[in-house]
Amino acid sequence: MSTTDRAHDGSCQTLAAQLSRRARESPDARAFTYLDGGEEVGGTLSFAELEQRARSVGAALRGAEGERALLLYPPGLDFVVAFFGCLYAGVVAIPAYPPDPGRLERTLPRLRAIAANARATIALGTEQVCLAAQALRPFAPELADARWIATDTLSEVSDAIEPAPLRRGSELAFLQYTSGSTRAPRGVMITHANIADNAAAVARVTGLHEGATTVSWLPLYHDMGLMNGVLMAVHAGCHSVLMSPVDFLRKPSRWLAAISRYRAMMSGAPSFAYELCARRVRDEERRGLDLACWSVAYNGAEPVRASALGRFADAFASCGFRPEAFAPAYGLAESTVYVASRTLAGKPRVSMFDAHALADGRVEIASTNARATTLVSHGIAPAHWDLRIVDAVTYEERSEGRVGEIWVHGPSVGAGYWADEEATAETFSARIADGRVSNGPFLRTGDLGFRHDGELYITGRIKDVIVVRGACHHPQDIEQTVESSHRAVRPGCIAAFSIELGDEERIVVVAELEKDVTPADAGAVVAAAQDAVIAQHELAVHEVVCVRAGTIPKTSSGKIQRDACRCAFLAATLERLEAP
């Protein structure tokens, strides 16, 4: 019986049981490698070593089955050990990130919100994190009563806990808190059946297999980083090479060097990372790279931009990178992570659609570039899932060629939001208005898209849509236009949103400028952005605000928080770069 079949019949093999099997059958096979500074090996774990350490953590958690445990770790292998320790003990893991002492005003509120919502009774971390947390107690009362366990100080114990090989598929495995791009984070309840189905779907579409190698710098507390950096290593029996997101951002070539060095077949990131590599990896760094091994370059977590893919492919063609490796993917935490991706045959499909038709909810191929919106196909969902395009107001299904909300039904869809019955009913229990009770329940993704030639295209988020004179405009389209309007604008660092002025909706754009740009250049950027938006979208921009790099708020996964940016604009707290 396959993993997916077990998920359907009410029971499934847990990842903890899969780890134990791999530890028996391939004890010395390398499971994880962590690169200190993104370059030097800082730690490794075989499957047997991971199992032994995870069972020791499980022993420390004995008697806490069903309780919730925050996982507060800096990048490294201690997180991996703690996650599997929770699975062994039947404790619900909550991947999070320890607050940054230098940015408490931005990082502590999210952790407090998660701790309060989850009612976590346990906090796992390194000894350093646990000691530092004591100073935070006056500022985070939600953590005051938690039982803190420094897992890196635990010794191997003779009575280490044994994993339960089978659990009901509906049993809760972990809480994945959403990134909160349009609202406060919510804890998605991910079950053992969800993990089994989603991991199997990822393995099928990517061809990931036992003995293969993957590389990831994505945060492990984020759904895409957790699945592709941690869970797939045990599910598929492959070797996962990990590094810190900060080490990648400081020197993007480290990511590509790791892929080349370890001959990774799969790695990926949001669009901004491909853009960053194309811009910042120097010629001398490229000369030492061999990327011919990289057969699955997934791209997700934010809008997939054709321009970023093209620039990256051109920049690294001499290193053996093939554009056929690109695998644009669509997913969200509410569906464990993965929903759809293209099949790995040929280059990703890129199409140009009429921008005005899309604003009216229709899908038409553009007749001229001036009126075009370029979109990348996200392929198809697994065959045993049900993906529909639905009118978000009437709940009627929309035919191919019409824009609507993406709804999903399938065994990867989570059990709902933790401790939020109202939001769970609203988001996870939708029914199509055709009178057939058998259709659903569906997950309402909140994302807008359409099918064209049978493949899925994403146009934006419902709550981010800008409505001007009755026409809908997606902020991503306006942001991409502004990005292309002037060399001083930082790619992927623009926020477009609307404000009410009198009785009208007006468009505001906030754009970060490159670090070497002076305030004197701001005037030219404003003029170029306004002209470009008028020419491309026939829209007048009420105000273009230029700000320094790092100003625009983003989620933990790098998504632009447009609502937070709107609030900062209205509160006049943005530090503007203006021409003298």
Protein backbone atom coordinates (compact mmCIF):
# COMPACT_ATOMS: atom_id res chain seq x y z
CA MET A 1 0.00 0.00 0.00
CA SER A 2 1.41 3.40 -0.97
CA THR A 3 1.89 6.30 1.44
CA THR A 4 -0.95 8.15 -0.24
CA ASP A 5 -3.25 5.14 0.07
CA ARG A 6 -2.53 4.91 3.79
CA ALA A 7 -3.39 8.60 4.12
CA HIS A 8 -6.79 7.84 2.63
CA ASP A 9 -7.59 4.74 4.71
CA GLY A 10 -7.18 6.58 8.01
CA SER A 11 -3.63 5.60 8.94
CA CYS A 12 -0.24 6.54 7.60
CA GLN A 13 3.40 5.83 8.24
CA THR A 14 4.84 8.77 10.13
CA LEU A 15 8.08 10.48 9.23
CA ALA A 16 9.45 9.25 12.56
CA ALA A 17 8.80 5.67 11.46
CA GLN A 18 10.39 6.40 8.07
CA LEU A 19 13.45 7.77 9.85
CA SER A 20 13.73 4.64 11.99
CA ARG A 21 13.52 2.46 8.89
CA ARG A 22 16.24 4.44 7.14
CA ALA A 23 18.40 4.31 10.27
CA ARG A 24 18.12 0.50 10.20
CA GLU A 25 18.56 0.02 6.47
CA SER A 26 21.09 2.80 5.69
CA PRO A 27 22.54 3.84 9.07
CA ASP A 28 25.66 5.54 7.72
CA ALA A 29 24.04 7.32 4.77
CA ARG A 30 24.41 11.08 5.04
CA ALA A 31 21.06 12.74 5.79
CA PHE A 32 22.02 16.36 6.54
CA THR A 33 25.00 18.67 6.20
CA TYR A 34 25.05 22.20 7.58
CA LEU A 35 27.42 24.79 6.13
CA ASP A 36 28.76 27.34 8.62
CA GLY A 37 29.06 30.70 6.94
CA GLY A 38 27.48 29.08 3.91
CA GLU A 39 30.77 27.45 2.97
CA GLU A 40 32.50 25.29 5.64
CA VAL A 41 30.97 22.09 6.98
CA GLY A 42 29.71 22.90 10.45
CA GLY A 43 27.90 19.65 11.20
CA THR A 44 26.58 16.46 9.65
CA LEU A 45 23.99 13.85 10.55
CA SER A 46 23.64 10.33 9.23
CA PHE A 47 20.21 8.74 9.43
CA ALA A 48 21.33 6.69 12.43
CA GLU A 49 22.76 9.75 14.22
CA LEU A 50 19.61 11.75 13.57
CA GLU A 51 17.43 8.95 14.90
CA GLN A 52 19.49 8.54 18.09
CA ARG A 53 19.51 12.27 18.87
CA ALA A 54 15.82 12.68 17.99
CA ARG A 55 14.86 9.81 20.28
CA SER A 56 16.80 11.47 23.10
CA VAL A 57 14.75 14.63 22.59
CA GLY A 58 11.65 12.44 22.51
CA ALA A 59 12.64 10.96 25.86
CA ALA A 60 12.91 14.46 27.34
CA LEU A 61 9.37 15.09 26.09
CA ARG A 62 7.94 11.83 27.43
CA GLY A 63 4.51 12.36 28.95
CA ALA A 64 3.78 15.52 26.94
CA GLU A 65 1.96 13.86 24.02
CA GLY A 66 -0.48 16.27 22.41
CA GLU A 67 1.10 19.38 23.94
CA ARG A 68 2.52 22.14 21.75
CA ALA A 69 6.24 22.93 21.65
CA LEU A 70 7.84 26.03 20.13
CA LEU A 71 10.99 25.25 18.17
CA LEU A 72 13.23 28.30 18.63
CA TYR A 73 16.53 27.63 16.88
CA PRO A 74 19.07 29.60 14.90
CA PRO A 75 19.90 28.02 11.53
CA GLY A 76 21.52 24.62 12.01
CA LEU A 77 20.90 20.94 12.60
CA ASP A 78 19.55 21.29 16.14
CA PHE A 79 16.21 22.31 14.63
CA VAL A 80 16.08 19.11 12.57
CA VAL A 81 16.78 16.97 15.63
CA ALA A 82 14.12 18.75 17.70
CA PHE A 83 11.48 18.47 14.98
CA PHE A 84 11.87 14.70 14.73
CA GLY A 85 12.10 14.45 18.51
CA CYS A 86 8.63 16.01 18.69
CA LEU A 87 7.32 13.53 16.13
CA TYR A 88 8.74 10.64 18.16
CA ALA A 89 7.07 11.90 21.35
CA GLY A 90 3.73 12.80 19.75
CA VAL A 91 4.29 16.45 20.67
CA VAL A 92 2.96 19.06 18.22
CA ALA A 93 5.93 20.99 16.86
CA ILE A 94 5.65 24.72 16.14
CA PRO A 95 8.50 25.90 13.89
CA ALA A 96 9.32 29.50 14.81
CA TYR A 97 12.41 31.66 15.08
CA PRO A 98 14.04 33.11 18.18
CA PRO A 99 13.58 36.88 18.35
CA ASP A 100 16.51 38.94 17.11
CA PRO A 101 17.88 40.99 20.07
CA GLY A 102 18.78 43.75 17.65
CA ARG A 103 15.27 43.93 16.18
CA LEU A 104 12.95 43.01 19.03
CA GLU A 105 10.35 45.57 17.99
CA ARG A 106 9.87 43.67 14.70
CA THR A 107 10.54 40.03 15.67
CA LEU A 108 9.14 39.64 19.20
CA PRO A 109 5.48 40.56 18.45
CA ARG A 110 5.16 37.69 15.95
CA LEU A 111 6.58 35.16 18.43
CA ARG A 112 4.29 36.44 21.18
CA ALA A 113 1.28 36.12 18.89
CA ILE A 114 2.21 32.55 17.95
CA ALA A 115 2.86 31.52 21.57
CA ALA A 116 -0.44 33.01 22.72
CA ASN A 117 -2.49 31.44 19.93
CA ALA A 118 -0.90 27.99 20.23
CA ARG A 119 -0.91 28.03 24.04
CA ALA A 120 2.50 26.42 23.87
CA THR A 121 3.58 24.70 27.09
CA ILE A 122 7.09 23.78 25.94
CA ALA A 123 9.89 25.74 24.26
CA LEU A 124 12.82 23.90 22.69
CA GLY A 125 16.05 25.65 21.73
CA THR A 126 19.80 25.61 22.05
CA GLU A 127 21.37 26.37 25.40
CA GLN A 128 22.27 29.85 24.17
CA VAL A 129 18.68 30.55 23.08
CA CYS A 130 17.25 29.26 26.37
CA LEU A 131 19.59 31.47 28.40
CA ALA A 132 18.81 34.54 26.28
CA ALA A 133 15.10 33.86 26.60
CA GLN A 134 15.19 34.45 30.34
CA ALA A 135 15.85 38.14 29.71
CA LEU A 136 12.77 38.29 27.45
CA ARG A 137 10.29 37.12 30.07
CA PRO A 138 9.26 40.62 31.17
CA PHE A 139 8.53 41.49 27.53
CA ALA A 140 6.89 38.19 26.56
CA PRO A 141 4.56 36.95 29.32
CA GLU A 142 3.20 34.33 26.90
CA LEU A 143 6.51 32.46 27.27
CA ALA A 144 6.92 32.85 31.04
CA ASP A 145 5.28 29.56 32.03
CA ALA A 146 6.71 27.41 29.24
CA ARG A 147 9.03 24.53 30.10
CA TRP A 148 12.35 25.34 28.41
CA ILE A 149 14.56 22.49 27.19
CA ALA A 150 18.04 23.03 25.76
CA THR A 151 18.19 20.08 23.38
CA ASP A 152 21.88 20.50 22.52
CA THR A 153 22.77 19.61 26.13
CA LEU A 154 20.84 16.32 26.18
CA SER A 155 22.94 13.19 26.35
CA GLU A 156 22.10 9.93 24.64
CA VAL A 157 19.88 7.91 26.94
CA SER A 158 19.47 4.15 27.11
CA ASP A 159 15.70 4.41 27.45
CA ALA A 160 15.23 6.72 24.46
CA ILE A 161 11.63 6.81 23.29
CA GLU A 162 10.40 4.46 20.59
CA PRO A 163 8.39 5.89 17.70
CA ALA A 164 4.86 4.68 17.02
CA PRO A 165 5.16 3.31 13.46
CA LEU A 166 1.54 4.02 12.54
CA ARG A 167 -0.80 6.80 13.61
CA ARG A 168 -4.20 7.89 12.49
CA GLY A 169 -3.78 10.10 9.46
CA SER A 170 -5.92 12.78 11.09
CA GLU A 171 -3.59 13.14 14.10
CA LEU A 172 -1.86 16.50 14.34
CA ALA A 173 1.86 16.53 13.50
CA PHE A 174 2.77 20.23 13.62
CA LEU A 175 1.42 23.77 13.39
CA GLN A 176 2.66 25.81 10.44
CA TYR A 177 2.07 29.49 11.08
CA THR A 178 1.28 31.47 7.97
CA SER A 179 3.59 34.23 6.80
CA GLY A 180 0.95 36.90 7.36
CA SER A 181 1.29 38.92 4.15
CA THR A 182 -2.30 40.16 4.42
CA ARG A 183 -3.26 39.33 8.03
CA ALA A 184 -1.96 38.15 11.40
CA PRO A 185 -0.27 34.72 11.36
CA ARG A 186 -2.56 31.73 11.85
CA GLY A 187 -1.53 28.22 12.83
CA VAL A 188 -2.38 25.73 10.09
CA MET A 189 -2.98 22.26 11.54
CA ILE A 190 -0.87 19.84 9.50
CA THR A 191 -1.61 16.16 10.04
CA HIS A 192 0.47 13.05 9.40
CA ALA A 193 -1.71 12.31 6.37
CA ASN A 194 -1.06 15.81 5.01
CA ILE A 195 2.71 15.31 5.25
CA ALA A 196 2.55 11.87 3.65
CA ASP A 197 0.50 13.06 0.68
CA ASN A 198 2.38 16.31 0.09
CA ALA A 199 5.82 14.74 0.32
CA ALA A 200 4.76 12.00 -2.09
CA ALA A 201 3.44 14.64 -4.51
CA VAL A 202 6.72 16.59 -4.36
CA ALA A 203 8.73 13.42 -4.95
CA ARG A 204 6.60 12.48 -7.96
CA VAL A 205 6.81 15.84 -9.69
CA THR A 206 10.53 16.38 -9.03
CA GLY A 207 11.79 12.83 -9.38
CA LEU A 208 13.64 13.20 -6.06
CA HIS A 209 15.03 9.81 -5.12
CA GLU A 210 17.11 7.95 -2.56
CA GLY A 211 20.75 9.01 -2.65
CA ALA A 212 20.09 12.33 -4.41
CA THR A 213 21.26 15.66 -2.94
CA THR A 214 19.34 18.87 -2.34
CA VAL A 215 20.54 22.32 -1.21
CA SER A 216 18.49 24.89 0.68
CA TRP A 217 19.07 28.20 2.45
CA LEU A 218 15.35 28.82 3.03
CA PRO A 219 14.25 29.36 6.66
CA LEU A 220 13.32 26.04 8.24
CA TYR A 221 10.38 27.63 10.06
CA HIS A 222 8.84 28.50 6.68
CA ASP A 223 6.72 25.88 4.89
CA MET A 224 8.84 25.66 1.73
CA GLY A 225 12.10 25.49 3.69
CA LEU A 226 10.70 22.88 6.08
CA MET A 227 9.36 20.59 3.36
CA ASN A 228 12.23 20.79 0.87
CA GLY A 229 15.05 21.26 3.36
CA VAL A 230 14.00 18.79 6.08
CA LEU A 231 10.99 16.55 5.44
CA MET A 232 11.93 15.44 1.92
CA ALA A 233 15.34 14.21 3.08
CA VAL A 234 13.71 11.57 5.28
CA HIS A 235 10.77 10.87 2.97
CA ALA A 236 12.95 10.31 -0.11
CA GLY A 237 16.13 9.17 1.65
CA CYS A 238 18.25 11.92 0.15
CA HIS A 239 21.06 14.16 1.42
CA SER A 240 20.01 17.71 2.38
CA VAL A 241 22.66 20.44 2.49
CA LEU A 242 21.54 23.44 4.52
CA MET A 243 22.84 26.96 5.09
CA SER A 244 21.63 30.14 6.76
CA PRO A 245 19.46 32.62 4.83
CA VAL A 246 21.73 35.41 6.10
CA ASP A 247 24.81 33.72 4.63
CA PHE A 248 23.06 33.51 1.26
CA LEU A 249 21.97 37.14 1.33
CA ARG A 250 25.45 38.34 2.24
CA LYS A 251 27.02 36.39 -0.59
CA PRO A 252 24.55 34.84 -3.06
CA SER A 253 27.26 32.83 -4.83
CA ARG A 254 27.42 30.56 -1.75
CA TRP A 255 24.10 29.00 -2.74
CA LEU A 256 25.27 28.18 -6.26
CA ALA A 257 28.68 27.03 -5.03
CA ALA A 258 27.00 24.53 -2.70
CA ILE A 259 24.85 23.19 -5.56
CA SER A 260 27.99 22.79 -7.68
CA ARG A 261 30.13 21.30 -4.90
CA TYR A 262 27.60 18.72 -3.69
CA ARG A 263 26.16 17.97 -7.17
CA ALA A 264 22.64 18.78 -6.04
CA MET A 265 19.78 17.76 -8.32
CA MET A 266 17.19 19.95 -6.58
CA SER A 267 17.26 23.41 -5.03
CA GLY A 268 15.11 26.47 -5.23
CA ALA A 269 13.97 29.80 -3.86
CA PRO A 270 11.62 32.73 -4.50
CA SER A 271 12.13 34.87 -7.62
CA PHE A 272 14.11 37.54 -5.79
CA ALA A 273 16.92 35.04 -5.09
CA TYR A 274 17.39 34.23 -8.77
CA GLU A 275 17.37 37.96 -9.51
CA LEU A 276 19.92 38.60 -6.77
CA CYS A 277 22.29 35.95 -8.13
CA ALA A 278 22.06 37.34 -11.66
CA ARG A 279 22.96 40.82 -10.38
CA ARG A 280 25.53 40.13 -7.68
CA VAL A 281 27.48 36.96 -8.54
CA ARG A 282 30.73 38.17 -10.12
CA ASP A 283 32.34 36.76 -13.25
CA GLU A 284 35.23 35.25 -11.28
CA GLU A 285 32.74 33.47 -8.99
CA ARG A 286 30.85 32.05 -11.97
CA ARG A 287 33.97 30.56 -13.53
CA GLY A 288 34.22 27.94 -10.80
CA LEU A 289 30.59 26.80 -11.00
CA ASP A 290 29.24 23.66 -12.64
CA LEU A 291 25.44 23.73 -12.50
CA ALA A 292 24.79 20.97 -15.03
CA CYS A 293 23.69 18.71 -12.15
CA TRP A 294 20.83 21.05 -11.19
CA SER A 295 17.78 19.45 -12.81
CA VAL A 296 15.01 20.90 -10.56
CA ALA A 297 15.24 24.64 -9.83
CA TYR A 298 11.94 25.28 -8.11
CA ASN A 299 10.61 28.81 -7.77
CA GLY A 300 7.80 29.72 -5.39
CA ALA A 301 6.63 31.58 -2.24
CA GLU A 302 6.18 34.82 -4.20
CA PRO A 303 5.08 35.70 -7.76
CA VAL A 304 7.24 33.90 -10.33
CA ARG A 305 8.63 36.53 -12.65
CA ALA A 306 9.62 35.63 -16.19
CA SER A 307 12.19 38.43 -16.21
CA ALA A 308 14.01 36.96 -13.22
CA LEU A 309 14.08 33.50 -14.78
CA GLY A 310 15.40 34.89 -18.04
CA ARG A 311 18.16 36.94 -16.43
CA PHE A 312 19.28 34.02 -14.29
CA ALA A 313 19.33 31.58 -17.21
CA ASP A 314 21.37 34.00 -19.32
CA ALA A 315 23.79 34.78 -16.50
CA PHE A 316 24.57 31.13 -15.71
CA ALA A 317 24.28 29.42 -19.09
CA SER A 318 28.08 29.31 -19.24
CA CYS A 319 28.02 27.37 -15.93
CA GLY A 320 25.90 24.61 -17.42
CA PHE A 321 22.55 25.79 -16.10
CA ARG A 322 19.64 24.82 -18.37
CA PRO A 323 16.38 26.83 -18.40
CA GLU A 324 14.53 23.51 -18.67
CA ALA A 325 15.43 22.98 -14.99
CA PHE A 326 13.13 25.81 -13.86
CA ALA A 327 10.11 24.46 -12.00
CA PRO A 328 7.70 27.31 -11.15
CA ALA A 329 5.53 26.09 -8.28
CA TYR A 330 2.42 27.27 -6.49
CA GLY A 331 1.58 26.42 -2.91
CA LEU A 332 0.58 27.69 0.51
CA ALA A 333 0.81 26.63 4.13
CA GLU A 334 -2.88 25.73 4.22
CA SER A 335 -2.13 22.91 1.78
CA THR A 336 1.03 21.79 3.66
CA VAL A 337 3.08 23.63 1.01
CA TYR A 338 2.76 22.21 -2.51
CA VAL A 339 -0.27 22.62 -4.79
CA ALA A 340 0.89 22.73 -8.41
CA SER A 341 3.97 22.76 -10.59
CA ARG A 342 4.92 22.20 -14.17
CA THR A 343 6.06 18.78 -15.32
CA LEU A 344 9.79 18.71 -16.03
CA ALA A 345 9.59 18.63 -19.82
CA GLY A 346 10.86 21.61 -21.78
CA LYS A 347 11.11 25.21 -20.62
CA PRO A 348 8.48 26.84 -18.41
CA ARG A 349 5.56 28.22 -20.39
CA VAL A 350 5.59 32.04 -20.46
CA SER A 351 2.62 33.84 -22.03
CA MET A 352 1.64 37.46 -22.60
CA PHE A 353 -1.96 38.30 -21.76
CA ASP A 354 -4.02 41.41 -22.43
CA ALA A 355 -3.76 43.53 -19.27
CA HIS A 356 -7.12 45.25 -19.73
CA ALA A 357 -8.92 41.96 -20.26
CA LEU A 358 -7.37 40.53 -17.08
CA ALA A 359 -8.54 43.61 -15.17
CA ASP A 360 -12.04 42.68 -16.32
CA GLY A 361 -11.63 39.03 -15.32
CA ARG A 362 -11.13 37.76 -18.87
CA VAL A 363 -8.13 35.89 -20.30
CA GLU A 364 -6.98 36.98 -23.75
CA ILE A 365 -3.61 36.71 -25.42
CA ALA A 366 -2.13 40.21 -25.86
CA SER A 367 -2.04 41.65 -29.34
CA THR A 368 0.63 44.25 -28.48
CA ASN A 369 3.40 44.32 -25.89
CA ALA A 370 2.25 47.73 -24.62
CA ARG A 371 -0.94 46.19 -23.24
CA ALA A 372 0.59 42.91 -22.08
CA THR A 373 0.98 41.25 -18.70
CA THR A 374 3.60 38.51 -18.79
CA LEU A 375 2.78 35.48 -16.65
CA VAL A 376 4.51 32.16 -16.01
CA SER A 377 2.56 28.91 -15.93
CA HIS A 378 2.52 26.99 -12.65
CA GLY A 379 1.56 23.76 -14.38
CA ILE A 380 -1.01 21.40 -12.93
CA ALA A 381 -2.06 19.96 -9.57
CA PRO A 382 -1.69 16.24 -8.72
CA ALA A 383 -4.24 14.06 -10.48
CA HIS A 384 -5.96 12.97 -7.25
CA TRP A 385 -6.61 16.57 -6.17
CA ASP A 386 -9.49 18.80 -7.26
CA LEU A 387 -8.46 22.36 -8.20
CA ARG A 388 -11.14 24.80 -9.35
CA ILE A 389 -11.35 28.45 -10.38
CA VAL A 390 -14.34 30.00 -8.60
CA ASP A 391 -16.08 33.36 -8.42
CA ALA A 392 -15.13 34.64 -4.97
CA VAL A 393 -18.51 36.34 -4.49
CA THR A 394 -21.07 33.97 -6.03
CA TYR A 395 -19.11 30.72 -5.42
CA GLU A 396 -19.90 29.66 -8.99
CA GLU A 397 -17.20 27.79 -10.87
CA ARG A 398 -15.54 29.73 -13.66
CA SER A 399 -14.63 28.18 -16.95
CA GLU A 400 -11.19 28.17 -18.52
CA GLY A 401 -10.35 31.66 -19.70
CA ARG A 402 -11.89 33.43 -16.74
CA VAL A 403 -10.11 34.79 -13.64
CA GLY A 404 -11.31 33.70 -10.22
CA GLU A 405 -10.23 32.49 -6.82
CA ILE A 406 -8.23 29.26 -6.68
CA TRP A 407 -9.98 26.56 -4.61
CA VAL A 408 -8.34 23.24 -3.71
CA HIS A 409 -9.65 19.93 -2.39
CA GLY A 410 -7.28 17.09 -1.60
CA PRO A 411 -5.47 15.06 1.08
CA SER A 412 -2.72 17.68 1.53
CA VAL A 413 -5.17 20.36 2.69
CA GLY A 414 -4.65 21.04 6.40
CA ALA A 415 -7.24 20.37 9.10
CA GLY A 416 -7.91 24.08 9.64
CA TYR A 417 -6.57 26.92 11.78
CA TRP A 418 -5.64 26.18 15.37
CA ALA A 419 -8.11 27.64 17.88
CA ASP A 420 -10.01 29.59 15.22
CA GLU A 421 -13.25 27.84 14.27
CA GLU A 422 -14.69 30.85 12.44
CA ALA A 423 -11.68 31.30 10.16
CA THR A 424 -11.49 27.53 9.63
CA ALA A 425 -15.11 27.40 8.49
CA GLU A 426 -14.61 30.38 6.19
CA THR A 427 -11.38 29.15 4.59
CA PHE A 428 -11.45 25.34 4.69
CA SER A 429 -15.15 24.52 4.21
CA ALA A 430 -16.18 26.25 0.99
CA ARG A 431 -18.70 24.67 -1.36
CA ILE A 432 -19.27 25.42 -5.02
CA ALA A 433 -22.73 26.84 -5.69
CA ASP A 434 -23.96 24.09 -8.00
CA GLY A 435 -26.23 22.25 -5.59
CA ARG A 436 -23.94 19.22 -5.39
CA VAL A 437 -22.91 18.53 -1.78
CA SER A 438 -20.26 16.08 -3.01
CA ASN A 439 -18.19 18.96 -4.40
CA GLY A 440 -15.86 19.79 -1.54
CA PRO A 441 -15.23 20.97 0.99
CA PHE A 442 -12.67 23.22 -0.68
CA LEU A 443 -9.83 25.32 0.66
CA ARG A 444 -10.22 28.95 -0.37
CA THR A 445 -6.65 30.02 -1.10
CA GLY A 446 -7.30 33.76 -1.34
CA ASP A 447 -5.24 33.74 -4.54
CA LEU A 448 -6.55 34.77 -7.93
CA GLY A 449 -5.72 32.87 -11.08
CA PHE A 450 -7.01 31.13 -14.17
CA ARG A 451 -6.46 28.13 -16.40
CA HIS A 452 -5.10 28.55 -19.90
CA ASP A 453 -4.52 25.51 -22.11
CA GLY A 454 -5.12 23.41 -19.01
CA GLU A 455 -2.35 25.02 -16.94
CA LEU A 456 -2.59 27.26 -13.87
CA TYR A 457 -1.56 30.92 -13.87
CA ILE A 458 -1.51 33.15 -10.78
CA THR A 459 -2.50 36.81 -10.99
CA GLY A 460 -2.43 37.98 -7.35
CA ARG A 461 -4.10 38.03 -3.94
CA ILE A 462 -7.78 38.96 -3.55
CA LYS A 463 -7.11 41.32 -0.65
CA ASP A 464 -4.33 43.11 -2.54
CA VAL A 465 -6.37 43.89 -5.66
CA ILE A 466 -6.56 47.59 -6.50
CA VAL A 467 -9.91 48.76 -7.89
CA VAL A 468 -9.86 51.99 -9.90
CA ARG A 469 -12.97 53.17 -11.76
CA GLY A 470 -14.46 49.66 -11.47
CA ALA A 471 -11.48 47.88 -13.01
CA CYS A 472 -9.29 45.46 -11.03
CA HIS A 473 -5.53 45.88 -11.14
CA HIS A 474 -3.04 43.52 -9.56
CA PRO A 475 -0.32 45.27 -7.55
CA GLN A 476 2.31 42.84 -8.83
CA ASP A 477 1.80 44.15 -12.38
CA ILE A 478 2.22 47.77 -11.29
CA GLU A 479 5.25 46.86 -9.15
CA GLN A 480 6.94 45.10 -12.05
CA THR A 481 6.35 48.13 -14.27
CA VAL A 482 7.92 50.44 -11.67
CA GLU A 483 10.86 48.05 -11.22
CA SER A 484 11.60 48.21 -14.95
CA SER A 485 11.20 51.97 -15.17
CA HIS A 486 14.58 52.98 -13.67
CA ARG A 487 17.86 51.23 -12.88
CA ALA A 488 17.89 52.68 -9.35
CA VAL A 489 14.81 50.72 -8.22
CA ARG A 490 15.61 47.56 -6.24
CA PRO A 491 14.06 44.46 -7.85
CA GLY A 492 11.38 42.79 -5.75
CA CYS A 493 11.31 45.70 -3.29
CA ILE A 494 8.26 47.70 -4.42
CA ALA A 495 4.82 47.92 -2.82
CA ALA A 496 1.77 49.19 -4.73
CA PHE A 497 -1.51 49.75 -2.90
CA SER A 498 -4.54 51.99 -2.88
CA ILE A 499 -5.75 54.62 -0.44
CA GLU A 500 -9.04 56.45 -0.19
CA LEU A 501 -8.80 60.13 -1.00
CA GLY A 502 -12.16 61.82 -0.86
CA ASP A 503 -14.51 59.50 -2.68
CA GLU A 504 -11.85 57.94 -4.90
CA GLU A 505 -9.31 55.15 -4.75
CA ARG A 506 -5.82 56.47 -5.45
CA ILE A 507 -2.67 54.45 -6.15
CA VAL A 508 0.48 54.83 -4.09
CA VAL A 509 3.80 53.14 -4.87
CA VAL A 510 6.63 52.75 -2.36
CA ALA A 511 9.95 51.79 -3.95
CA GLU A 512 13.29 50.97 -2.37
CA LEU A 513 16.33 52.38 -4.15
CA GLU A 514 19.70 50.70 -4.57
CA LYS A 515 22.20 51.38 -1.80
CA ASP A 516 24.54 53.39 -4.03
CA VAL A 517 21.77 55.74 -5.17
CA THR A 518 21.70 59.27 -3.74
CA PRO A 519 18.59 61.21 -2.71
CA ALA A 520 19.20 63.44 -5.69
CA ASP A 521 18.20 60.56 -7.98
CA ALA A 522 14.80 60.21 -6.33
CA GLY A 523 13.15 62.81 -8.53
CA ALA A 524 14.14 60.98 -11.69
CA VAL A 525 12.83 57.68 -10.26
CA VAL A 526 9.46 59.26 -9.39
CA ALA A 527 9.04 60.73 -12.88
CA ALA A 528 10.08 57.51 -14.62
CA ALA A 529 7.74 55.39 -12.47
CA GLN A 530 4.74 57.63 -13.02
CA ASP A 531 5.31 57.77 -16.78
CA ALA A 532 5.74 53.99 -17.02
CA VAL A 533 2.54 53.19 -15.10
CA ILE A 534 0.54 55.62 -17.23
CA ALA A 535 1.94 54.12 -20.44
CA GLN A 536 1.56 50.48 -19.40
CA HIS A 537 -1.63 50.51 -17.35
CA GLU A 538 -3.33 53.81 -18.21
CA LEU A 539 -3.35 54.65 -14.51
CA ALA A 540 -2.25 57.78 -12.71
CA VAL A 541 -0.14 57.20 -9.61
CA HIS A 542 -1.11 59.55 -6.80
CA GLU A 543 2.33 59.36 -5.18
CA VAL A 544 5.62 57.50 -5.64
CA VAL A 545 7.62 57.29 -2.42
CA CYS A 546 11.32 56.45 -2.62
CA VAL A 547 12.84 54.83 0.47
CA ARG A 548 16.13 53.26 1.52
CA ALA A 549 16.93 49.57 1.06
CA GLY A 550 15.37 47.39 3.75
CA THR A 551 12.49 49.77 4.53
CA ILE A 552 9.53 47.90 3.03
CA PRO A 553 8.09 45.36 5.50
CA LYS A 554 8.18 41.73 4.38
CA THR A 555 7.02 38.43 5.81
CA SER A 556 9.43 35.76 7.07
CA SER A 557 9.30 34.21 3.59
CA GLY A 558 10.10 37.48 1.81
CA LYS A 559 6.60 38.46 0.66
CA ILE A 560 5.79 42.17 0.48
CA GLN A 561 3.43 43.22 3.30
CA ARG A 562 1.44 45.77 1.34
CA ASP A 563 -1.06 46.45 4.11
CA ALA A 564 1.73 47.18 6.61
CA CYS A 565 3.33 49.46 4.03
CA ARG A 566 0.01 51.23 3.49
CA CYS A 567 -0.32 51.78 7.24
CA ALA A 568 3.20 53.21 7.42
CA PHE A 569 2.41 55.55 4.52
CA LEU A 570 -0.82 56.77 6.13
CA ALA A 571 0.92 57.23 9.48
CA ALA A 572 3.71 59.20 7.76
CA THR A 573 6.38 56.96 9.32
CA LEU A 574 8.20 56.11 6.09
CA GLU A 575 11.65 57.68 5.90
CA ARG A 576 11.63 59.17 2.45
CA LEU A 577 14.49 59.71 0.05
CA GLU A 578 13.78 63.01 -1.62
CA ALA A 579 15.71 65.24 -3.93
CA PRO A 580 17.17 68.26 -2.10
